[in-house]
Amino acid sequence: MITTHTRWTEILVLAACLLACGAGEPSPTRPTPAQIADAAPVSAPVDAALAPTATLAVDELAWDAQPILAIPVDVAPAQAESELRAVYFRLIAASSRIGLELAGPPMAQILERGARIRLLAAVPVRGTLVPSRVPAGVSVLMLPSGPAVRTRHRGRHDQLPAVHQALRAWMQANQHTPRGEPWERYLTNPILEPDPAKQETEVVWPVEP
């Protein structure tokens, strides 16, 4: 059984990185591991061993507008593994077909956890977009610029719900109003770092100006 957060977030990252690192069906235009793991280091202070009870290291930033390719996912937990693998294959293949470069690590906006898993799976891209070349079922969206708060978690994905709760509490204590749902950016390639305790996830939560 796939848990509502732990297993499927691992699948998100693993699926994208497996495809980039040479597993799965061969493709001459497959992105390189460096493209998948292209995550510029943040200048924010981070907690290198964040646990749910640890003090959260948070910074405030102006989030730049970012185009993404995205596919909504609504799936039962039992089908999450195969569904998400297919979704990330489609996104990576679509970016190559359209002629766009991957501009950062895989990311997801978590919309609902429970009997169903609802999320928006996405990859950030850069380049010149030709709308007629976008495959059916793939959306080209623009993440709007604006203020946001950010923290980085080093550790297992099953701690991320607690990180979300701690970040929400930090926003309340610091007079920030959340704007929509947070984004998780999966910074670690699990092929290169298989230890879940050492994998890093950045949580970015847009806030009202």
N, C-alpha and C. Protein backbone atom coordinates (compact mmCIF):
# COMPACT_ATOMS: atom_id res chain seq x y z
N MET A 1 0.85 -1.19 0.00
CA MET A 1 0.00 0.00 0.00
C MET A 1 0.88 1.24 0.00
N ILE A 2 0.59 2.19 -0.83
CA ILE A 2 1.33 3.44 -0.90
C ILE A 2 0.72 4.42 0.08
N THR A 3 1.54 5.01 0.92
CA THR A 3 1.02 5.98 1.87
C THR A 3 0.61 7.24 1.15
N THR A 4 -0.09 8.12 1.86
CA THR A 4 -0.63 9.31 1.23
C THR A 4 0.42 10.35 0.91
N HIS A 5 1.62 10.22 1.45
CA HIS A 5 2.65 11.22 1.12
C HIS A 5 4.00 10.57 0.83
N THR A 6 4.42 9.65 1.68
CA THR A 6 5.78 9.14 1.60
C THR A 6 6.07 8.49 0.27
N ARG A 7 5.32 7.46 -0.09
CA ARG A 7 5.67 6.63 -1.23
C ARG A 7 5.57 7.40 -2.53
N TRP A 8 4.48 8.14 -2.71
CA TRP A 8 4.29 8.73 -4.03
C TRP A 8 5.21 9.90 -4.29
N THR A 9 5.67 10.63 -3.26
CA THR A 9 6.65 11.68 -3.54
C THR A 9 7.98 11.07 -3.93
N GLU A 10 8.33 9.94 -3.33
CA GLU A 10 9.54 9.24 -3.75
C GLU A 10 9.42 8.79 -5.20
N ILE A 11 8.23 8.33 -5.58
CA ILE A 11 8.03 7.89 -6.95
C ILE A 11 8.17 9.04 -7.92
N LEU A 12 7.66 10.21 -7.56
CA LEU A 12 7.79 11.39 -8.42
C LEU A 12 9.24 11.64 -8.80
N VAL A 13 10.10 11.66 -7.79
CA VAL A 13 11.49 11.96 -8.04
C VAL A 13 12.16 10.81 -8.76
N LEU A 14 11.91 9.60 -8.30
CA LEU A 14 12.57 8.44 -8.87
C LEU A 14 12.20 8.25 -10.33
N ALA A 15 10.93 8.45 -10.66
CA ALA A 15 10.50 8.27 -12.04
C ALA A 15 11.24 9.23 -12.97
N ALA A 16 11.29 10.50 -12.58
CA ALA A 16 11.97 11.48 -13.43
C ALA A 16 13.45 11.19 -13.54
N CYS A 17 14.07 10.82 -12.44
CA CYS A 17 15.51 10.61 -12.46
C CYS A 17 15.87 9.30 -13.15
N LEU A 18 15.05 8.28 -13.01
CA LEU A 18 15.30 7.04 -13.74
C LEU A 18 15.29 7.29 -15.23
N LEU A 19 14.31 8.05 -15.68
CA LEU A 19 14.23 8.36 -17.11
C LEU A 19 15.44 9.15 -17.56
N ALA A 20 15.85 10.09 -16.76
CA ALA A 20 16.99 10.93 -17.15
C ALA A 20 18.30 10.18 -17.07
N CYS A 21 18.40 9.22 -16.16
CA CYS A 21 19.68 8.54 -15.94
C CYS A 21 19.84 7.30 -16.80
N GLY A 22 18.89 7.05 -17.71
CA GLY A 22 19.12 6.00 -18.67
C GLY A 22 18.25 4.78 -18.49
N ALA A 23 17.42 4.70 -17.44
CA ALA A 23 16.54 3.56 -17.29
C ALA A 23 15.31 3.77 -18.16
N GLY A 24 14.56 2.69 -18.35
CA GLY A 24 13.34 2.80 -19.15
C GLY A 24 13.66 2.73 -20.62
N GLU A 25 12.76 3.19 -21.46
CA GLU A 25 12.92 3.10 -22.88
C GLU A 25 13.95 4.12 -23.36
N PRO A 26 14.84 3.71 -24.29
CA PRO A 26 15.86 4.65 -24.75
C PRO A 26 15.26 5.75 -25.59
N SER A 27 15.88 6.92 -25.49
CA SER A 27 15.44 8.05 -26.30
C SER A 27 16.64 8.92 -26.60
N PRO A 28 16.91 9.24 -27.87
CA PRO A 28 18.08 10.05 -28.18
C PRO A 28 17.98 11.47 -27.66
N THR A 29 16.77 11.91 -27.30
CA THR A 29 16.61 13.28 -26.84
C THR A 29 16.33 13.36 -25.35
N ARG A 30 16.56 12.27 -24.63
CA ARG A 30 16.29 12.26 -23.20
C ARG A 30 17.18 13.27 -22.49
N PRO A 31 16.64 14.04 -21.54
CA PRO A 31 17.47 14.98 -20.80
C PRO A 31 18.54 14.26 -19.99
N THR A 32 19.61 14.95 -19.71
CA THR A 32 20.72 14.40 -18.94
C THR A 32 20.41 14.45 -17.46
N PRO A 33 21.13 13.67 -16.64
CA PRO A 33 20.94 13.77 -15.19
C PRO A 33 21.16 15.17 -14.66
N ALA A 34 22.10 15.90 -15.27
CA ALA A 34 22.35 17.26 -14.80
C ALA A 34 21.15 18.15 -15.03
N GLN A 35 20.43 17.92 -16.14
CA GLN A 35 19.24 18.72 -16.40
C GLN A 35 18.16 18.44 -15.36
N ILE A 36 17.97 17.16 -15.04
CA ILE A 36 16.95 16.80 -14.06
C ILE A 36 17.30 17.36 -12.70
N ALA A 37 18.57 17.32 -12.36
CA ALA A 37 18.98 17.74 -11.02
C ALA A 37 19.44 19.18 -10.98
N ASP A 38 19.08 19.97 -12.01
CA ASP A 38 19.54 21.35 -12.11
C ASP A 38 18.81 22.20 -11.08
N ALA A 39 19.37 22.28 -9.91
CA ALA A 39 18.77 23.08 -8.85
C ALA A 39 19.85 23.99 -8.28
N ALA A 40 19.75 25.27 -8.59
CA ALA A 40 20.75 26.22 -8.09
C ALA A 40 20.68 26.28 -6.58
N PRO A 41 21.83 26.30 -5.90
CA PRO A 41 21.79 26.38 -4.45
C PRO A 41 21.13 27.67 -3.98
N VAL A 42 20.30 27.56 -2.96
CA VAL A 42 19.64 28.74 -2.43
C VAL A 42 20.55 29.41 -1.42
N SER A 43 20.38 30.72 -1.30
CA SER A 43 21.19 31.45 -0.35
C SER A 43 20.56 31.47 1.03
N ALA A 44 19.38 30.86 1.15
CA ALA A 44 18.67 30.89 2.42
C ALA A 44 19.36 30.03 3.45
N PRO A 45 19.22 30.39 4.72
CA PRO A 45 19.68 29.47 5.75
C PRO A 45 18.80 28.24 5.74
N VAL A 46 19.39 27.08 5.89
CA VAL A 46 18.62 25.84 5.87
C VAL A 46 18.98 25.02 7.09
N ASP A 47 18.05 24.19 7.51
CA ASP A 47 18.27 23.27 8.61
C ASP A 47 18.72 21.96 8.00
N ALA A 48 19.95 21.57 8.23
CA ALA A 48 20.53 20.42 7.56
C ALA A 48 19.96 19.10 8.05
N ALA A 49 19.27 19.09 9.14
CA ALA A 49 18.72 17.83 9.65
C ALA A 49 17.34 18.08 10.22
N LEU A 50 16.48 18.65 9.40
CA LEU A 50 15.17 19.06 9.87
C LEU A 50 14.33 17.87 10.28
N ALA A 51 13.80 17.89 11.46
CA ALA A 51 12.83 16.92 11.93
C ALA A 51 11.57 17.69 12.26
N PRO A 52 10.42 17.00 12.35
CA PRO A 52 9.17 17.72 12.60
C PRO A 52 9.20 18.61 13.83
N THR A 53 10.02 18.27 14.82
CA THR A 53 10.05 19.07 16.04
C THR A 53 11.16 20.11 16.04
N ALA A 54 11.97 20.15 14.98
CA ALA A 54 13.10 21.08 14.94
C ALA A 54 12.61 22.49 14.62
N THR A 55 13.45 23.47 14.98
CA THR A 55 13.16 24.84 14.60
C THR A 55 13.29 24.98 13.09
N LEU A 56 12.29 25.56 12.47
CA LEU A 56 12.28 25.66 11.02
C LEU A 56 13.14 26.84 10.57
N ALA A 57 14.02 26.60 9.62
CA ALA A 57 14.81 27.67 9.02
C ALA A 57 14.06 28.15 7.78
N VAL A 58 13.56 29.37 7.81
CA VAL A 58 12.70 29.90 6.75
C VAL A 58 13.29 31.19 6.23
N ASP A 59 13.21 31.39 4.93
CA ASP A 59 13.54 32.70 4.40
C ASP A 59 12.41 33.20 3.53
N GLU A 60 12.34 34.50 3.37
CA GLU A 60 11.33 35.14 2.53
C GLU A 60 11.99 35.55 1.23
N LEU A 61 11.29 35.40 0.14
CA LEU A 61 11.88 35.68 -1.16
C LEU A 61 10.83 36.22 -2.11
N ALA A 62 11.32 36.81 -3.19
CA ALA A 62 10.47 37.19 -4.32
C ALA A 62 10.63 36.09 -5.36
N TRP A 63 9.57 35.31 -5.53
CA TRP A 63 9.62 34.17 -6.46
C TRP A 63 9.45 34.68 -7.87
N ASP A 64 10.40 34.36 -8.74
CA ASP A 64 10.31 34.77 -10.14
C ASP A 64 9.25 33.96 -10.87
N ALA A 65 8.62 34.58 -11.86
CA ALA A 65 7.68 33.85 -12.71
C ALA A 65 8.42 32.71 -13.41
N GLN A 66 7.76 31.56 -13.52
CA GLN A 66 8.42 30.38 -14.09
C GLN A 66 7.43 29.58 -14.93
N PRO A 67 7.71 29.39 -16.23
CA PRO A 67 6.86 28.50 -17.02
C PRO A 67 7.08 27.05 -16.63
N ILE A 68 6.01 26.28 -16.63
CA ILE A 68 6.10 24.86 -16.31
C ILE A 68 5.24 24.07 -17.30
N LEU A 69 5.62 22.83 -17.49
CA LEU A 69 4.74 21.85 -18.12
C LEU A 69 4.12 21.05 -16.99
N ALA A 70 2.82 20.84 -17.05
CA ALA A 70 2.13 20.23 -15.92
C ALA A 70 1.05 19.27 -16.38
N ILE A 71 0.82 18.28 -15.55
CA ILE A 71 -0.27 17.32 -15.75
C ILE A 71 -0.94 17.10 -14.41
N PRO A 72 -2.26 17.29 -14.32
CA PRO A 72 -2.94 17.01 -13.06
C PRO A 72 -3.06 15.50 -12.84
N VAL A 73 -2.95 15.10 -11.61
CA VAL A 73 -3.03 13.69 -11.25
C VAL A 73 -4.10 13.52 -10.18
N ASP A 74 -5.01 12.60 -10.41
CA ASP A 74 -6.05 12.25 -9.45
C ASP A 74 -6.14 10.73 -9.46
N VAL A 75 -5.62 10.09 -8.44
CA VAL A 75 -5.43 8.65 -8.51
C VAL A 75 -5.60 8.04 -7.13
N ALA A 76 -6.05 6.79 -7.10
CA ALA A 76 -6.08 6.05 -5.85
C ALA A 76 -4.66 5.67 -5.45
N PRO A 77 -4.36 5.63 -4.16
CA PRO A 77 -3.00 5.31 -3.73
C PRO A 77 -2.44 4.03 -4.34
N ALA A 78 -3.28 3.02 -4.51
CA ALA A 78 -2.78 1.75 -5.03
C ALA A 78 -2.27 1.86 -6.46
N GLN A 79 -2.77 2.84 -7.22
CA GLN A 79 -2.33 3.02 -8.61
C GLN A 79 -1.32 4.16 -8.77
N ALA A 80 -0.91 4.75 -7.67
CA ALA A 80 -0.07 5.95 -7.78
C ALA A 80 1.27 5.67 -8.45
N GLU A 81 1.89 4.54 -8.14
CA GLU A 81 3.23 4.28 -8.66
C GLU A 81 3.24 4.26 -10.18
N SER A 82 2.40 3.45 -10.78
CA SER A 82 2.40 3.35 -12.24
C SER A 82 1.92 4.64 -12.89
N GLU A 83 0.95 5.31 -12.27
CA GLU A 83 0.41 6.54 -12.85
C GLU A 83 1.45 7.65 -12.86
N LEU A 84 2.14 7.83 -11.76
CA LEU A 84 3.10 8.92 -11.68
C LEU A 84 4.33 8.67 -12.54
N ARG A 85 4.73 7.41 -12.66
CA ARG A 85 5.83 7.10 -13.56
C ARG A 85 5.46 7.51 -14.98
N ALA A 86 4.24 7.18 -15.39
CA ALA A 86 3.79 7.54 -16.73
C ALA A 86 3.69 9.06 -16.90
N VAL A 87 3.22 9.75 -15.87
CA VAL A 87 3.07 11.20 -15.96
C VAL A 87 4.42 11.88 -16.14
N TYR A 88 5.41 11.47 -15.37
CA TYR A 88 6.71 12.12 -15.52
C TYR A 88 7.40 11.74 -16.82
N PHE A 89 7.17 10.54 -17.30
CA PHE A 89 7.69 10.20 -18.63
C PHE A 89 7.07 11.13 -19.67
N ARG A 90 5.78 11.37 -19.57
CA ARG A 90 5.11 12.26 -20.53
C ARG A 90 5.65 13.68 -20.45
N LEU A 91 5.86 14.18 -19.25
CA LEU A 91 6.35 15.55 -19.11
C LEU A 91 7.76 15.71 -19.67
N ILE A 92 8.63 14.77 -19.36
CA ILE A 92 10.00 14.86 -19.86
C ILE A 92 10.03 14.70 -21.37
N ALA A 93 9.25 13.74 -21.88
CA ALA A 93 9.19 13.56 -23.33
C ALA A 93 8.59 14.79 -24.01
N ALA A 94 7.58 15.40 -23.38
CA ALA A 94 6.95 16.58 -23.97
C ALA A 94 7.92 17.74 -24.04
N SER A 95 8.72 17.94 -23.00
CA SER A 95 9.67 19.05 -23.02
C SER A 95 10.67 18.87 -24.16
N SER A 96 11.09 17.65 -24.39
CA SER A 96 12.04 17.38 -25.48
C SER A 96 11.37 17.59 -26.83
N ARG A 97 10.15 17.10 -26.97
CA ARG A 97 9.44 17.21 -28.25
C ARG A 97 9.16 18.67 -28.60
N ILE A 98 8.83 19.46 -27.60
CA ILE A 98 8.52 20.87 -27.83
C ILE A 98 9.78 21.67 -28.10
N GLY A 99 10.93 21.14 -27.67
CA GLY A 99 12.18 21.86 -27.83
C GLY A 99 12.51 22.76 -26.67
N LEU A 100 11.95 22.46 -25.50
CA LEU A 100 12.23 23.24 -24.30
C LEU A 100 13.25 22.52 -23.44
N GLU A 101 14.04 23.29 -22.72
CA GLU A 101 15.00 22.73 -21.78
C GLU A 101 14.37 22.65 -20.39
N LEU A 102 14.74 21.61 -19.66
CA LEU A 102 14.34 21.56 -18.26
C LEU A 102 15.11 22.63 -17.49
N ALA A 103 14.41 23.36 -16.65
CA ALA A 103 14.99 24.50 -15.96
C ALA A 103 15.11 24.29 -14.46
N GLY A 104 14.96 23.07 -14.01
CA GLY A 104 15.04 22.81 -12.58
C GLY A 104 14.57 21.41 -12.27
N PRO A 105 14.49 21.07 -11.01
CA PRO A 105 14.12 19.72 -10.60
C PRO A 105 12.62 19.49 -10.74
N PRO A 106 12.20 18.21 -10.70
CA PRO A 106 10.77 17.91 -10.69
C PRO A 106 10.10 18.57 -9.50
N MET A 107 8.84 18.90 -9.67
CA MET A 107 8.12 19.57 -8.60
C MET A 107 6.66 19.13 -8.61
N ALA A 108 5.99 19.36 -7.52
CA ALA A 108 4.58 18.99 -7.42
C ALA A 108 3.88 19.92 -6.45
N GLN A 109 2.65 20.26 -6.79
CA GLN A 109 1.79 21.01 -5.89
C GLN A 109 0.76 20.05 -5.33
N ILE A 110 0.80 19.86 -4.03
CA ILE A 110 -0.07 18.89 -3.39
C ILE A 110 -1.41 19.54 -3.11
N LEU A 111 -2.46 18.94 -3.65
CA LEU A 111 -3.80 19.51 -3.52
C LEU A 111 -4.66 18.77 -2.52
N GLU A 112 -4.47 17.45 -2.43
CA GLU A 112 -5.31 16.66 -1.52
C GLU A 112 -4.62 15.35 -1.21
N ARG A 113 -4.66 14.94 0.06
CA ARG A 113 -4.19 13.62 0.44
C ARG A 113 -5.33 12.92 1.18
N GLY A 114 -5.53 11.66 0.88
CA GLY A 114 -6.59 10.92 1.52
C GLY A 114 -6.90 9.67 0.73
N ALA A 115 -8.21 9.38 0.57
CA ALA A 115 -8.60 8.22 -0.22
C ALA A 115 -8.15 8.37 -1.67
N ARG A 116 -8.07 9.61 -2.13
CA ARG A 116 -7.51 9.93 -3.45
C ARG A 116 -6.31 10.83 -3.26
N ILE A 117 -5.37 10.72 -4.17
CA ILE A 117 -4.23 11.62 -4.20
C ILE A 117 -4.44 12.59 -5.35
N ARG A 118 -4.50 13.88 -5.04
CA ARG A 118 -4.63 14.89 -6.09
C ARG A 118 -3.43 15.83 -6.01
N LEU A 119 -2.77 16.00 -7.14
CA LEU A 119 -1.62 16.88 -7.19
C LEU A 119 -1.43 17.37 -8.62
N LEU A 120 -0.60 18.37 -8.75
CA LEU A 120 -0.20 18.86 -10.06
C LEU A 120 1.27 18.53 -10.21
N ALA A 121 1.58 17.56 -11.05
CA ALA A 121 2.97 17.19 -11.32
C ALA A 121 3.51 18.10 -12.41
N ALA A 122 4.74 18.58 -12.23
CA ALA A 122 5.25 19.59 -13.16
C ALA A 122 6.77 19.50 -13.29
N VAL A 123 7.25 20.04 -14.41
CA VAL A 123 8.68 20.29 -14.58
C VAL A 123 8.83 21.72 -15.07
N PRO A 124 9.76 22.50 -14.49
CA PRO A 124 10.01 23.86 -14.97
C PRO A 124 10.79 23.80 -16.28
N VAL A 125 10.49 24.72 -17.19
CA VAL A 125 11.12 24.69 -18.51
C VAL A 125 11.56 26.10 -18.91
N ARG A 126 12.42 26.15 -19.91
CA ARG A 126 12.81 27.42 -20.50
C ARG A 126 13.00 27.19 -22.00
N GLY A 127 12.84 28.27 -22.76
CA GLY A 127 12.99 28.18 -24.20
C GLY A 127 11.82 28.84 -24.89
N THR A 128 11.82 28.74 -26.21
CA THR A 128 10.75 29.34 -27.02
C THR A 128 9.65 28.31 -27.24
N LEU A 129 8.45 28.67 -26.82
CA LEU A 129 7.33 27.74 -26.89
C LEU A 129 6.60 27.87 -28.21
N VAL A 130 6.34 26.72 -28.83
CA VAL A 130 5.48 26.65 -30.01
C VAL A 130 4.20 25.94 -29.58
N PRO A 131 3.10 26.68 -29.34
CA PRO A 131 1.89 26.07 -28.77
C PRO A 131 1.38 24.87 -29.55
N SER A 132 1.52 24.89 -30.87
CA SER A 132 0.98 23.80 -31.68
C SER A 132 1.71 22.48 -31.43
N ARG A 133 2.88 22.52 -30.80
CA ARG A 133 3.65 21.31 -30.57
C ARG A 133 3.41 20.71 -29.18
N VAL A 134 2.60 21.37 -28.38
CA VAL A 134 2.34 20.86 -27.03
C VAL A 134 1.40 19.66 -27.12
N PRO A 135 1.79 18.51 -26.58
CA PRO A 135 0.94 17.32 -26.67
C PRO A 135 -0.37 17.49 -25.92
N ALA A 136 -1.38 16.79 -26.36
CA ALA A 136 -2.67 16.80 -25.68
C ALA A 136 -2.50 16.29 -24.26
N GLY A 137 -3.19 16.93 -23.33
CA GLY A 137 -3.14 16.52 -21.94
C GLY A 137 -2.05 17.17 -21.13
N VAL A 138 -1.13 17.87 -21.80
CA VAL A 138 -0.06 18.58 -21.10
C VAL A 138 -0.39 20.07 -21.13
N SER A 139 -0.37 20.70 -19.99
CA SER A 139 -0.65 22.13 -19.90
C SER A 139 0.64 22.91 -19.76
N VAL A 140 0.68 24.06 -20.41
CA VAL A 140 1.77 25.00 -20.22
C VAL A 140 1.25 26.10 -19.31
N LEU A 141 1.81 26.21 -18.13
CA LEU A 141 1.34 27.16 -17.14
C LEU A 141 2.48 28.10 -16.76
N MET A 142 2.11 29.23 -16.20
CA MET A 142 3.10 30.18 -15.71
C MET A 142 2.90 30.35 -14.21
N LEU A 143 3.88 29.91 -13.44
CA LEU A 143 3.82 30.19 -12.02
C LEU A 143 4.06 31.69 -11.83
N PRO A 144 3.13 32.38 -11.20
CA PRO A 144 3.27 33.84 -11.11
C PRO A 144 4.39 34.25 -10.17
N SER A 145 4.95 35.41 -10.47
CA SER A 145 5.94 35.97 -9.56
C SER A 145 5.23 36.52 -8.33
N GLY A 146 5.98 36.73 -7.29
CA GLY A 146 5.40 37.30 -6.08
C GLY A 146 6.13 36.83 -4.85
N PRO A 147 5.74 37.33 -3.70
CA PRO A 147 6.40 36.93 -2.46
C PRO A 147 6.09 35.49 -2.10
N ALA A 148 7.04 34.88 -1.44
CA ALA A 148 6.87 33.49 -1.00
C ALA A 148 7.78 33.27 0.20
N VAL A 149 7.52 32.20 0.91
CA VAL A 149 8.43 31.76 1.97
C VAL A 149 8.93 30.37 1.60
N ARG A 150 10.11 30.05 2.11
CA ARG A 150 10.77 28.84 1.64
C ARG A 150 11.55 28.21 2.78
N THR A 151 11.51 26.88 2.80
CA THR A 151 12.37 26.14 3.71
C THR A 151 12.89 24.92 2.97
N ARG A 152 13.97 24.38 3.46
CA ARG A 152 14.54 23.18 2.85
C ARG A 152 14.58 22.07 3.89
N HIS A 153 14.09 20.92 3.49
CA HIS A 153 14.04 19.75 4.37
C HIS A 153 15.03 18.71 3.89
N ARG A 154 15.86 18.25 4.79
CA ARG A 154 16.78 17.15 4.50
C ARG A 154 16.33 15.95 5.30
N GLY A 155 15.81 14.95 4.61
CA GLY A 155 15.32 13.78 5.31
C GLY A 155 14.21 13.10 4.53
N ARG A 156 13.57 12.19 5.19
CA ARG A 156 12.57 11.34 4.55
C ARG A 156 11.35 12.16 4.13
N HIS A 157 10.73 11.69 3.05
CA HIS A 157 9.54 12.37 2.55
C HIS A 157 8.35 12.22 3.49
N ASP A 158 8.37 11.19 4.35
CA ASP A 158 7.22 11.06 5.25
C ASP A 158 7.22 12.14 6.33
N GLN A 159 8.28 12.95 6.41
CA GLN A 159 8.30 14.09 7.32
C GLN A 159 7.73 15.36 6.68
N LEU A 160 7.49 15.33 5.37
CA LEU A 160 7.06 16.55 4.69
C LEU A 160 5.72 17.10 5.17
N PRO A 161 4.72 16.26 5.48
CA PRO A 161 3.49 16.85 6.02
C PRO A 161 3.74 17.67 7.27
N ALA A 162 4.66 17.21 8.14
CA ALA A 162 4.99 17.98 9.34
C ALA A 162 5.72 19.27 8.98
N VAL A 163 6.53 19.22 7.92
CA VAL A 163 7.21 20.44 7.46
C VAL A 163 6.18 21.45 6.97
N HIS A 164 5.17 20.99 6.22
CA HIS A 164 4.11 21.87 5.77
C HIS A 164 3.41 22.52 6.96
N GLN A 165 3.09 21.71 7.96
CA GLN A 165 2.40 22.24 9.14
C GLN A 165 3.26 23.27 9.86
N ALA A 166 4.56 22.96 9.99
CA ALA A 166 5.46 23.90 10.67
C ALA A 166 5.61 25.19 9.88
N LEU A 167 5.64 25.09 8.55
CA LEU A 167 5.76 26.29 7.74
C LEU A 167 4.49 27.13 7.82
N ARG A 168 3.34 26.47 7.86
CA ARG A 168 2.08 27.21 8.03
C ARG A 168 2.06 27.93 9.38
N ALA A 169 2.51 27.25 10.42
CA ALA A 169 2.56 27.89 11.75
C ALA A 169 3.52 29.07 11.74
N TRP A 170 4.64 28.94 11.04
CA TRP A 170 5.60 30.04 10.94
C TRP A 170 4.96 31.23 10.24
N MET A 171 4.19 30.97 9.18
CA MET A 171 3.53 32.07 8.46
C MET A 171 2.53 32.78 9.36
N GLN A 172 1.77 32.02 10.12
CA GLN A 172 0.80 32.63 11.03
C GLN A 172 1.51 33.49 12.07
N ALA A 173 2.62 32.99 12.59
CA ALA A 173 3.35 33.73 13.62
C ALA A 173 4.03 34.98 13.06
N ASN A 174 4.27 34.99 11.76
CA ASN A 174 4.98 36.11 11.14
C ASN A 174 4.08 36.93 10.21
N GLN A 175 2.77 36.84 10.43
CA GLN A 175 1.79 37.67 9.73
C GLN A 175 1.85 37.52 8.20
N HIS A 176 1.99 36.28 7.74
CA HIS A 176 1.92 35.99 6.31
C HIS A 176 0.65 35.19 6.03
N THR A 177 -0.03 35.53 4.94
CA THR A 177 -1.23 34.81 4.53
C THR A 177 -0.89 33.93 3.33
N PRO A 178 -1.10 32.61 3.43
CA PRO A 178 -0.78 31.73 2.31
C PRO A 178 -1.60 32.10 1.08
N ARG A 179 -0.98 31.96 -0.07
CA ARG A 179 -1.66 32.19 -1.35
C ARG A 179 -1.62 30.88 -2.13
N GLY A 180 -2.72 30.13 -2.04
CA GLY A 180 -2.75 28.83 -2.70
C GLY A 180 -2.01 27.77 -1.90
N GLU A 181 -1.66 26.70 -2.58
CA GLU A 181 -1.00 25.57 -1.94
C GLU A 181 0.51 25.62 -2.17
N PRO A 182 1.28 24.96 -1.31
CA PRO A 182 2.73 25.00 -1.47
C PRO A 182 3.20 24.10 -2.61
N TRP A 183 4.42 24.38 -3.04
CA TRP A 183 5.10 23.55 -4.03
C TRP A 183 6.25 22.82 -3.35
N GLU A 184 6.41 21.56 -3.69
CA GLU A 184 7.58 20.80 -3.28
C GLU A 184 8.50 20.66 -4.48
N ARG A 185 9.77 20.99 -4.30
CA ARG A 185 10.80 20.85 -5.34
C ARG A 185 11.78 19.78 -4.86
N TYR A 186 11.90 18.72 -5.66
CA TYR A 186 12.68 17.55 -5.23
C TYR A 186 14.11 17.71 -5.72
N LEU A 187 14.99 18.15 -4.83
CA LEU A 187 16.33 18.59 -5.20
C LEU A 187 17.32 17.45 -5.39
N THR A 188 17.06 16.32 -4.76
CA THR A 188 18.04 15.23 -4.76
C THR A 188 17.68 14.17 -5.79
N ASN A 189 18.66 13.79 -6.59
CA ASN A 189 18.51 12.65 -7.49
C ASN A 189 18.69 11.38 -6.67
N PRO A 190 17.63 10.58 -6.47
CA PRO A 190 17.75 9.41 -5.60
C PRO A 190 18.62 8.31 -6.18
N ILE A 191 18.94 8.39 -7.48
CA ILE A 191 19.88 7.44 -8.05
C ILE A 191 21.29 7.73 -7.51
N LEU A 192 21.61 9.01 -7.39
CA LEU A 192 22.92 9.41 -6.90
C LEU A 192 23.00 9.39 -5.38
N GLU A 193 21.87 9.62 -4.71
CA GLU A 193 21.83 9.60 -3.25
C GLU A 193 20.62 8.78 -2.81
N PRO A 194 20.80 7.45 -2.66
CA PRO A 194 19.65 6.59 -2.34
C PRO A 194 19.21 6.64 -0.89
N ASP A 195 20.00 7.25 -0.01
CA ASP A 195 19.64 7.29 1.41
C ASP A 195 18.55 8.33 1.63
N PRO A 196 17.32 7.91 1.98
CA PRO A 196 16.24 8.88 2.17
C PRO A 196 16.56 9.94 3.22
N ALA A 197 17.39 9.61 4.19
CA ALA A 197 17.71 10.57 5.25
C ALA A 197 18.57 11.72 4.74
N LYS A 198 19.16 11.56 3.56
CA LYS A 198 20.04 12.60 3.01
C LYS A 198 19.43 13.33 1.82
N GLN A 199 18.21 12.97 1.46
CA GLN A 199 17.58 13.60 0.30
C GLN A 199 16.95 14.93 0.70
N GLU A 200 17.04 15.91 -0.18
CA GLU A 200 16.58 17.26 0.14
C GLU A 200 15.37 17.65 -0.70
N THR A 201 14.43 18.28 -0.04
CA THR A 201 13.22 18.80 -0.67
C THR A 201 13.06 20.25 -0.25
N GLU A 202 12.81 21.10 -1.22
CA GLU A 202 12.53 22.50 -0.92
C GLU A 202 11.02 22.71 -0.96
N VAL A 203 10.49 23.33 0.06
CA VAL A 203 9.06 23.66 0.11
C VAL A 203 8.93 25.16 -0.04
N VAL A 204 8.23 25.58 -1.08
CA VAL A 204 8.02 27.00 -1.36
C VAL A 204 6.53 27.28 -1.28
N TRP A 205 6.15 28.26 -0.46
CA TRP A 205 4.73 28.57 -0.27
C TRP A 205 4.50 30.04 -0.64
N PRO A 206 3.79 30.30 -1.74
CA PRO A 206 3.47 31.69 -2.08
C PRO A 206 2.62 32.33 -0.98
N VAL A 207 2.83 33.62 -0.76
CA VAL A 207 2.07 34.35 0.25
C VAL A 207 1.51 35.62 -0.36
N GLU A 208 0.49 36.15 0.28
CA GLU A 208 -0.11 37.40 -0.18
C GLU A 208 0.87 38.56 0.03
N PRO A 209 0.87 39.53 -0.89
CA PRO A 209 1.76 40.70 -0.71
C PRO A 209 1.44 41.45 0.57
